[in-house]
């Protein structure tokens, strides 16, 4: 039963990530130098469950494929999300809940500018791209993600039980 719940949660998180990314993409918010992906708010979910780690990685991978991103973005953008998710999962019992958004913000701020510069040939400097990507991540993960975290904390015993390994 534990494995079924884990896989179901991971799949649901992946699907939600894809849908939210495609929605942001349709609105012109999911790509470019300032990216506000609604799906990045989900990167706080590893604070509640380990199922979110593969869910976020697979969701990002699928969203990047479906969004017709270049191969380097598909690979390294998904790795950035994976590293952020692993970071959030690692700090979940050591730091306060408001810190849950910090690992994905850092991972994306450090990795995505290089993808933009080298894979998409965005002419801006790496430091400028770090600033703009970081700003988008603060909006997506920091603000929206923290709001989501506060709402989910009320329901964590119902939504996120019996999935840890």
N, C-alpha and C. Protein backbone atom coordinates (compact mmCIF):
# COMPACT_ATOMS: atom_id res chain seq x y z
N UNK A 1 0.82 -1.20 0.00
CA UNK A 1 0.00 0.00 0.00
C UNK A 1 0.87 1.26 0.00
N UNK A 2 1.96 1.23 0.75
CA UNK A 2 2.86 2.38 0.84
C UNK A 2 3.44 2.73 -0.53
N UNK A 3 3.86 1.71 -1.28
CA UNK A 3 4.45 1.94 -2.60
C UNK A 3 3.43 2.50 -3.58
N UNK A 4 2.20 2.02 -3.51
CA UNK A 4 1.14 2.50 -4.39
C UNK A 4 0.85 3.98 -4.12
N UNK A 5 0.78 4.34 -2.85
CA UNK A 5 0.53 5.74 -2.50
C UNK A 5 1.69 6.63 -2.94
N UNK A 6 2.91 6.15 -2.77
CA UNK A 6 4.10 6.90 -3.18
C UNK A 6 4.07 7.15 -4.69
N UNK A 7 3.84 6.10 -5.47
CA UNK A 7 3.81 6.22 -6.93
C UNK A 7 2.66 7.11 -7.38
N UNK A 8 1.51 6.97 -6.74
CA UNK A 8 0.35 7.78 -7.08
C UNK A 8 0.62 9.26 -6.80
N UNK A 9 1.20 9.55 -5.64
CA UNK A 9 1.53 10.95 -5.33
C UNK A 9 2.57 11.50 -6.30
N UNK A 10 3.59 10.73 -6.58
CA UNK A 10 4.62 11.19 -7.52
C UNK A 10 4.02 11.46 -8.90
N UNK A 11 3.15 10.58 -9.37
CA UNK A 11 2.51 10.75 -10.68
C UNK A 11 1.58 11.97 -10.69
N UNK A 12 0.84 12.16 -9.62
CA UNK A 12 -0.07 13.31 -9.53
C UNK A 12 0.73 14.62 -9.52
N UNK A 13 1.83 14.64 -8.80
CA UNK A 13 2.68 15.84 -8.75
C UNK A 13 3.29 16.10 -10.13
N UNK A 14 3.75 15.05 -10.80
CA UNK A 14 4.32 15.20 -12.15
C UNK A 14 3.27 15.76 -13.11
N UNK A 15 2.07 15.20 -13.06
CA UNK A 15 1.00 15.66 -13.95
C UNK A 15 0.63 17.12 -13.67
N UNK A 16 0.53 17.46 -12.41
CA UNK A 16 0.20 18.84 -12.04
C UNK A 16 1.30 19.80 -12.48
N UNK A 17 2.56 19.38 -12.33
CA UNK A 17 3.68 20.21 -12.77
C UNK A 17 3.58 20.48 -14.27
N UNK A 18 3.30 19.43 -15.05
CA UNK A 18 3.19 19.59 -16.51
C UNK A 18 2.06 20.55 -16.86
N UNK A 19 0.89 20.34 -16.28
CA UNK A 19 -0.27 21.18 -16.59
C UNK A 19 0.00 22.64 -16.24
N UNK A 20 0.56 22.88 -15.05
CA UNK A 20 0.83 24.25 -14.63
C UNK A 20 1.91 24.92 -15.49
N UNK A 21 2.90 24.14 -15.92
CA UNK A 21 3.94 24.69 -16.80
C UNK A 21 3.36 25.03 -18.16
N UNK A 22 2.55 24.14 -18.69
CA UNK A 22 1.94 24.41 -20.00
C UNK A 22 1.00 25.61 -19.94
N UNK A 23 0.31 25.78 -18.82
CA UNK A 23 -0.55 26.95 -18.64
C UNK A 23 0.29 28.22 -18.63
N UNK A 24 1.37 28.23 -17.84
CA UNK A 24 2.25 29.39 -17.80
C UNK A 24 2.87 29.64 -19.17
N UNK A 25 3.19 28.57 -19.89
CA UNK A 25 3.76 28.69 -21.23
C UNK A 25 2.75 29.33 -22.19
N UNK A 26 1.50 28.90 -22.09
CA UNK A 26 0.46 29.46 -22.94
C UNK A 26 0.27 30.95 -22.68
N UNK A 27 0.54 31.37 -21.45
CA UNK A 27 0.44 32.78 -21.09
C UNK A 27 1.74 33.54 -21.33
N UNK A 28 2.75 32.83 -21.86
CA UNK A 28 4.04 33.46 -22.15
C UNK A 28 4.91 33.71 -20.94
N UNK A 29 4.68 32.97 -19.86
CA UNK A 29 5.42 33.20 -18.62
C UNK A 29 6.47 32.14 -18.31
N UNK A 30 6.48 31.01 -19.01
CA UNK A 30 7.32 29.86 -18.62
C UNK A 30 8.69 29.84 -19.26
N UNK A 31 9.00 30.77 -20.13
CA UNK A 31 10.32 30.78 -20.75
C UNK A 31 10.80 32.21 -20.87
N UNK A 32 12.05 32.35 -21.26
CA UNK A 32 12.63 33.68 -21.36
C UNK A 32 13.50 33.98 -20.15
N UNK A 33 13.96 35.22 -20.05
CA UNK A 33 14.88 35.56 -18.97
C UNK A 33 14.19 35.63 -17.62
N UNK A 34 12.97 36.14 -17.56
CA UNK A 34 12.21 36.10 -16.31
C UNK A 34 11.11 35.07 -16.50
N UNK A 35 11.27 33.94 -15.83
CA UNK A 35 10.34 32.82 -15.96
C UNK A 35 9.49 32.72 -14.71
N UNK A 36 8.19 32.82 -14.88
CA UNK A 36 7.28 32.62 -13.76
C UNK A 36 6.45 31.39 -14.09
N UNK A 37 7.00 30.25 -13.71
CA UNK A 37 6.29 28.99 -13.91
C UNK A 37 5.46 28.73 -12.65
N UNK A 38 4.16 28.67 -12.81
CA UNK A 38 3.29 28.37 -11.67
C UNK A 38 3.70 27.04 -11.04
N UNK A 39 4.16 26.13 -11.88
CA UNK A 39 4.55 24.79 -11.43
C UNK A 39 5.70 24.83 -10.43
N UNK A 40 6.52 25.85 -10.48
CA UNK A 40 7.65 25.95 -9.55
C UNK A 40 7.19 26.12 -8.11
N UNK A 41 5.96 26.55 -7.91
CA UNK A 41 5.41 26.63 -6.54
C UNK A 41 5.36 25.23 -5.92
N UNK A 42 5.24 24.21 -6.76
CA UNK A 42 5.18 22.83 -6.28
C UNK A 42 6.52 22.35 -5.71
N UNK A 43 7.58 23.09 -5.96
CA UNK A 43 8.89 22.64 -5.49
C UNK A 43 9.02 22.65 -3.97
N UNK A 44 8.01 23.15 -3.27
CA UNK A 44 8.01 23.06 -1.80
C UNK A 44 7.48 21.71 -1.33
N UNK A 45 6.90 20.94 -2.22
CA UNK A 45 6.27 19.66 -1.83
C UNK A 45 7.22 18.64 -1.20
N UNK A 46 8.51 18.60 -1.55
CA UNK A 46 9.40 17.67 -0.84
C UNK A 46 9.50 17.97 0.66
N UNK A 47 9.06 19.13 1.08
CA UNK A 47 9.01 19.44 2.50
C UNK A 47 8.02 18.50 3.21
N UNK A 48 7.03 17.99 2.45
CA UNK A 48 6.00 17.13 3.00
C UNK A 48 6.19 15.65 2.68
N UNK A 49 6.70 15.35 1.48
CA UNK A 49 6.77 13.96 1.04
C UNK A 49 7.94 13.72 0.08
N UNK A 50 8.58 12.59 0.24
CA UNK A 50 9.67 12.22 -0.66
C UNK A 50 9.14 11.89 -2.06
N UNK A 51 7.86 11.60 -2.19
CA UNK A 51 7.26 11.31 -3.50
C UNK A 51 7.35 12.52 -4.42
N UNK A 52 7.47 13.69 -3.84
CA UNK A 52 7.57 14.90 -4.66
C UNK A 52 8.88 14.98 -5.43
N UNK A 53 9.94 14.35 -4.93
CA UNK A 53 11.24 14.43 -5.60
C UNK A 53 11.16 13.83 -7.01
N UNK A 54 10.78 12.56 -7.16
CA UNK A 54 10.66 12.05 -8.53
C UNK A 54 9.51 12.70 -9.30
N UNK A 55 8.46 13.07 -8.59
CA UNK A 55 7.32 13.72 -9.26
C UNK A 55 7.71 15.03 -9.91
N UNK A 56 8.45 15.85 -9.20
CA UNK A 56 8.88 17.13 -9.75
C UNK A 56 9.87 16.94 -10.89
N UNK A 57 10.80 16.01 -10.72
CA UNK A 57 11.79 15.77 -11.78
C UNK A 57 11.11 15.28 -13.06
N UNK A 58 10.26 14.29 -12.94
CA UNK A 58 9.57 13.75 -14.12
C UNK A 58 8.63 14.79 -14.73
N UNK A 59 7.95 15.54 -13.87
CA UNK A 59 7.06 16.60 -14.36
C UNK A 59 7.82 17.65 -15.14
N UNK A 60 8.95 18.08 -14.62
CA UNK A 60 9.77 19.08 -15.31
C UNK A 60 10.31 18.52 -16.63
N UNK A 61 10.78 17.29 -16.58
CA UNK A 61 11.29 16.65 -17.78
C UNK A 61 10.21 16.59 -18.87
N UNK A 62 9.03 16.13 -18.51
CA UNK A 62 7.93 16.04 -19.47
C UNK A 62 7.48 17.42 -19.97
N UNK A 63 7.40 18.38 -19.05
CA UNK A 63 6.98 19.73 -19.44
C UNK A 63 7.99 20.34 -20.41
N UNK A 64 9.27 20.12 -20.17
CA UNK A 64 10.29 20.66 -21.07
C UNK A 64 10.27 19.97 -22.43
N UNK A 65 9.98 18.69 -22.44
CA UNK A 65 9.85 17.97 -23.72
C UNK A 65 8.61 18.47 -24.47
N UNK A 66 7.49 18.54 -23.76
CA UNK A 66 6.25 18.98 -24.39
C UNK A 66 6.30 20.45 -24.81
N UNK A 67 7.10 21.23 -24.11
CA UNK A 67 7.27 22.64 -24.45
C UNK A 67 8.29 22.86 -25.55
N UNK A 68 8.80 21.77 -26.10
CA UNK A 68 9.75 21.78 -27.20
C UNK A 68 11.02 22.56 -26.88
N UNK A 69 11.51 22.36 -25.67
CA UNK A 69 12.76 22.98 -25.26
C UNK A 69 13.93 22.28 -25.95
N UNK A 70 15.06 22.96 -26.02
CA UNK A 70 16.25 22.33 -26.60
C UNK A 70 16.73 21.25 -25.63
N UNK A 71 17.50 20.32 -26.14
CA UNK A 71 17.93 19.16 -25.36
C UNK A 71 18.66 19.55 -24.08
N UNK A 72 19.49 20.62 -24.14
CA UNK A 72 20.25 21.02 -22.96
C UNK A 72 19.32 21.55 -21.86
N UNK A 73 18.22 22.17 -22.26
CA UNK A 73 17.23 22.64 -21.29
C UNK A 73 16.45 21.47 -20.71
N UNK A 74 16.12 20.51 -21.56
CA UNK A 74 15.42 19.32 -21.10
C UNK A 74 16.26 18.61 -20.04
N UNK A 75 17.54 18.46 -20.32
CA UNK A 75 18.43 17.74 -19.38
C UNK A 75 18.74 18.58 -18.15
N UNK A 76 19.35 19.74 -18.36
CA UNK A 76 19.86 20.50 -17.22
C UNK A 76 18.78 21.29 -16.49
N UNK A 77 17.72 21.68 -17.18
CA UNK A 77 16.59 22.31 -16.50
C UNK A 77 15.92 21.32 -15.56
N UNK A 78 15.79 20.09 -16.02
CA UNK A 78 15.20 19.04 -15.18
C UNK A 78 16.12 18.70 -14.00
N UNK A 79 17.41 18.69 -14.25
CA UNK A 79 18.38 18.45 -13.17
C UNK A 79 18.30 19.57 -12.13
N UNK A 80 18.13 20.81 -12.58
CA UNK A 80 18.00 21.93 -11.64
C UNK A 80 16.79 21.71 -10.72
N UNK A 81 15.68 21.27 -11.30
CA UNK A 81 14.49 21.00 -10.50
C UNK A 81 14.74 19.84 -9.55
N UNK A 82 15.41 18.81 -10.03
CA UNK A 82 15.74 17.66 -9.18
C UNK A 82 16.63 18.08 -8.00
N UNK A 83 17.64 18.88 -8.27
CA UNK A 83 18.54 19.33 -7.20
C UNK A 83 17.79 20.19 -6.18
N UNK A 84 16.92 21.06 -6.68
CA UNK A 84 16.11 21.88 -5.78
C UNK A 84 15.19 21.02 -4.91
N UNK A 85 14.58 20.01 -5.52
CA UNK A 85 13.69 19.11 -4.77
C UNK A 85 14.46 18.31 -3.73
N UNK A 86 15.62 17.82 -4.10
CA UNK A 86 16.46 17.08 -3.14
C UNK A 86 16.89 17.99 -1.99
N UNK A 87 17.21 19.23 -2.32
CA UNK A 87 17.60 20.18 -1.28
C UNK A 87 16.47 20.47 -0.31
N UNK A 88 15.28 20.67 -0.83
CA UNK A 88 14.12 20.91 0.04
C UNK A 88 13.85 19.70 0.91
N UNK A 89 13.94 18.52 0.32
CA UNK A 89 13.72 17.30 1.11
C UNK A 89 14.78 17.16 2.20
N UNK A 90 16.01 17.53 1.89
CA UNK A 90 17.11 17.41 2.86
C UNK A 90 16.97 18.36 4.05
N UNK A 91 16.39 19.52 3.83
CA UNK A 91 16.28 20.50 4.92
C UNK A 91 14.96 20.42 5.69
N UNK A 92 14.05 19.57 5.26
CA UNK A 92 12.69 19.58 5.80
C UNK A 92 12.60 19.43 7.32
N UNK A 93 13.49 18.70 7.93
CA UNK A 93 13.43 18.49 9.37
C UNK A 93 14.47 19.32 10.12
N UNK A 94 15.29 20.05 9.38
CA UNK A 94 16.38 20.79 10.00
C UNK A 94 16.13 22.29 10.07
N UNK A 95 15.32 22.82 9.14
CA UNK A 95 15.09 24.25 9.07
C UNK A 95 13.60 24.56 9.10
N UNK A 96 13.23 25.80 9.39
CA UNK A 96 11.81 26.17 9.41
C UNK A 96 11.18 26.02 8.03
N UNK A 97 9.86 25.91 8.01
CA UNK A 97 9.14 25.68 6.75
C UNK A 97 9.36 26.77 5.71
N UNK A 98 9.56 28.01 6.12
CA UNK A 98 9.75 29.08 5.15
C UNK A 98 11.03 28.91 4.34
N UNK A 99 11.92 28.05 4.78
CA UNK A 99 13.17 27.78 4.05
C UNK A 99 12.98 26.78 2.90
N UNK A 100 11.80 26.19 2.79
CA UNK A 100 11.56 25.15 1.78
C UNK A 100 11.80 25.63 0.35
N UNK A 101 11.59 26.90 0.10
CA UNK A 101 11.75 27.43 -1.26
C UNK A 101 13.20 27.77 -1.61
N UNK A 102 14.06 27.82 -0.63
CA UNK A 102 15.44 28.26 -0.89
C UNK A 102 16.21 27.32 -1.82
N UNK A 103 16.21 25.99 -1.62
CA UNK A 103 16.97 25.14 -2.54
C UNK A 103 16.54 25.23 -4.01
N UNK A 104 15.23 25.22 -4.33
CA UNK A 104 14.89 25.36 -5.76
C UNK A 104 15.23 26.73 -6.32
N UNK A 105 15.10 27.78 -5.49
CA UNK A 105 15.48 29.11 -5.97
C UNK A 105 16.96 29.12 -6.31
N UNK A 106 17.80 28.59 -5.42
CA UNK A 106 19.25 28.56 -5.66
C UNK A 106 19.62 27.69 -6.85
N UNK A 107 19.04 26.49 -6.92
CA UNK A 107 19.38 25.56 -8.01
C UNK A 107 19.06 26.18 -9.37
N UNK A 108 17.89 26.76 -9.49
CA UNK A 108 17.50 27.35 -10.77
C UNK A 108 18.28 28.62 -11.08
N UNK A 109 18.53 29.42 -10.07
CA UNK A 109 19.28 30.66 -10.27
C UNK A 109 20.71 30.39 -10.72
N UNK A 110 21.28 29.29 -10.27
CA UNK A 110 22.66 28.95 -10.63
C UNK A 110 22.78 28.18 -11.94
N UNK A 111 21.76 27.43 -12.33
CA UNK A 111 21.86 26.56 -13.51
C UNK A 111 21.19 27.15 -14.75
N UNK A 112 19.98 27.66 -14.61
CA UNK A 112 19.20 28.10 -15.77
C UNK A 112 19.86 29.22 -16.57
N UNK A 113 20.55 30.19 -15.95
CA UNK A 113 21.20 31.23 -16.76
C UNK A 113 22.20 30.68 -17.77
N UNK A 114 22.90 29.62 -17.42
CA UNK A 114 23.85 29.01 -18.35
C UNK A 114 23.12 28.35 -19.52
N UNK A 115 21.97 27.76 -19.25
CA UNK A 115 21.15 27.18 -20.32
C UNK A 115 20.67 28.28 -21.25
N UNK A 116 20.18 29.38 -20.68
CA UNK A 116 19.71 30.50 -21.50
C UNK A 116 20.84 31.07 -22.35
N UNK A 117 22.01 31.23 -21.75
CA UNK A 117 23.13 31.83 -22.47
C UNK A 117 23.69 30.93 -23.55
N UNK A 118 23.87 29.64 -23.23
CA UNK A 118 24.57 28.76 -24.17
C UNK A 118 23.64 27.94 -25.06
N UNK A 119 22.51 27.49 -24.55
CA UNK A 119 21.60 26.67 -25.37
C UNK A 119 20.67 27.55 -26.21
N UNK A 120 20.23 28.68 -25.63
CA UNK A 120 19.30 29.56 -26.34
C UNK A 120 19.98 30.82 -26.88
N UNK A 121 21.26 30.96 -26.59
CA UNK A 121 22.07 32.09 -27.06
C UNK A 121 21.45 33.44 -26.69
N UNK A 122 20.90 33.52 -25.49
CA UNK A 122 20.41 34.80 -24.98
C UNK A 122 21.63 35.69 -24.79
N UNK A 123 21.63 36.90 -25.34
CA UNK A 123 22.84 37.72 -25.35
C UNK A 123 23.19 38.39 -24.01
N UNK A 124 22.34 38.30 -23.02
CA UNK A 124 22.61 38.95 -21.74
C UNK A 124 23.72 38.23 -20.99
N UNK A 125 24.34 38.93 -20.05
CA UNK A 125 25.43 38.35 -19.27
C UNK A 125 24.88 37.34 -18.25
N UNK A 126 25.72 36.41 -17.86
CA UNK A 126 25.33 35.40 -16.86
C UNK A 126 24.87 36.06 -15.56
N UNK A 127 25.59 37.05 -15.02
CA UNK A 127 25.10 37.68 -13.78
C UNK A 127 23.72 38.32 -13.95
N UNK A 128 23.47 38.96 -15.09
CA UNK A 128 22.15 39.54 -15.33
C UNK A 128 21.09 38.45 -15.41
N UNK A 129 21.40 37.36 -16.09
CA UNK A 129 20.45 36.25 -16.19
C UNK A 129 20.20 35.61 -14.83
N UNK A 130 21.23 35.55 -13.99
CA UNK A 130 21.03 35.04 -12.63
C UNK A 130 20.05 35.94 -11.87
N UNK A 131 20.18 37.22 -12.07
CA UNK A 131 19.28 38.17 -11.42
C UNK A 131 17.84 37.98 -11.91
N UNK A 132 17.66 37.87 -13.22
CA UNK A 132 16.30 37.76 -13.76
C UNK A 132 15.68 36.40 -13.46
N UNK A 133 16.46 35.33 -13.61
CA UNK A 133 15.94 34.00 -13.28
C UNK A 133 15.65 33.92 -11.79
N UNK A 134 16.54 34.46 -10.98
CA UNK A 134 16.33 34.48 -9.54
C UNK A 134 15.05 35.22 -9.17
N UNK A 135 14.79 36.33 -9.85
CA UNK A 135 13.56 37.10 -9.59
C UNK A 135 12.32 36.25 -9.90
N UNK A 136 12.34 35.57 -11.04
CA UNK A 136 11.22 34.70 -11.39
C UNK A 136 11.03 33.56 -10.40
N UNK A 137 12.15 33.02 -9.92
CA UNK A 137 12.08 31.94 -8.94
C UNK A 137 11.58 32.43 -7.58
N UNK A 138 11.96 33.64 -7.21
CA UNK A 138 11.44 34.20 -5.96
C UNK A 138 9.93 34.35 -6.04
N UNK A 139 9.43 34.78 -7.20
CA UNK A 139 7.98 34.89 -7.38
C UNK A 139 7.33 33.50 -7.35
N UNK A 140 7.86 32.58 -8.17
CA UNK A 140 7.26 31.25 -8.31
C UNK A 140 7.41 30.38 -7.06
N UNK A 141 8.64 30.23 -6.62
CA UNK A 141 8.92 29.35 -5.46
C UNK A 141 8.74 30.08 -4.14
N UNK A 142 9.36 31.25 -4.06
CA UNK A 142 9.38 31.96 -2.80
C UNK A 142 8.01 32.46 -2.36
N UNK A 143 7.31 33.13 -3.25
CA UNK A 143 6.02 33.71 -2.88
C UNK A 143 4.89 32.70 -3.06
N UNK A 144 4.70 32.23 -4.30
CA UNK A 144 3.61 31.27 -4.56
C UNK A 144 3.83 29.96 -3.82
N UNK A 145 5.08 29.48 -3.81
CA UNK A 145 5.38 28.22 -3.13
C UNK A 145 5.16 28.29 -1.63
N UNK A 146 5.56 29.40 -1.02
CA UNK A 146 5.37 29.55 0.42
C UNK A 146 3.88 29.68 0.76
N UNK A 147 3.14 30.36 -0.10
CA UNK A 147 1.68 30.43 0.11
C UNK A 147 1.06 29.03 0.04
N UNK A 148 1.49 28.25 -0.95
CA UNK A 148 1.01 26.88 -1.08
C UNK A 148 1.39 26.05 0.14
N UNK A 149 2.61 26.21 0.61
CA UNK A 149 3.09 25.47 1.78
C UNK A 149 2.20 25.77 3.00
N UNK A 150 1.87 27.04 3.20
CA UNK A 150 1.03 27.42 4.35
C UNK A 150 -0.35 26.79 4.27
N UNK A 151 -0.91 26.72 3.07
CA UNK A 151 -2.22 26.08 2.89
C UNK A 151 -2.12 24.58 3.13
N UNK A 152 -1.09 23.95 2.57
CA UNK A 152 -0.95 22.50 2.68
C UNK A 152 -0.60 22.04 4.09
N UNK A 153 0.02 22.89 4.88
CA UNK A 153 0.35 22.52 6.26
C UNK A 153 -0.90 22.13 7.04
N UNK A 154 -2.02 22.74 6.72
CA UNK A 154 -3.28 22.43 7.41
C UNK A 154 -3.78 21.02 7.08
N UNK A 155 -3.39 20.51 5.91
CA UNK A 155 -3.90 19.22 5.44
C UNK A 155 -2.81 18.15 5.32
N UNK A 156 -1.63 18.41 5.85
CA UNK A 156 -0.51 17.49 5.64
C UNK A 156 -0.76 16.10 6.21
N UNK A 157 -1.51 16.00 7.30
CA UNK A 157 -1.75 14.68 7.89
C UNK A 157 -2.72 13.86 7.04
N UNK A 158 -3.47 14.51 6.20
CA UNK A 158 -4.41 13.81 5.32
C UNK A 158 -3.75 13.50 3.98
N UNK A 159 -3.04 14.48 3.43
CA UNK A 159 -2.48 14.34 2.09
C UNK A 159 -1.15 13.60 2.02
N UNK A 160 -0.32 13.74 3.03
CA UNK A 160 1.05 13.28 2.92
C UNK A 160 1.44 12.26 3.98
N UNK A 161 0.59 11.32 4.26
CA UNK A 161 0.92 10.29 5.25
C UNK A 161 1.33 9.00 4.56
N UNK A 162 2.19 8.26 5.23
CA UNK A 162 2.55 6.92 4.81
C UNK A 162 3.15 6.82 3.41
N UNK A 163 4.04 7.77 3.06
CA UNK A 163 4.71 7.69 1.75
C UNK A 163 6.22 7.74 1.84
N UNK A 164 6.76 7.84 3.03
CA UNK A 164 8.21 7.98 3.19
C UNK A 164 8.92 6.62 3.06
N UNK A 165 10.15 6.70 2.54
CA UNK A 165 10.99 5.51 2.44
C UNK A 165 12.23 5.69 3.25
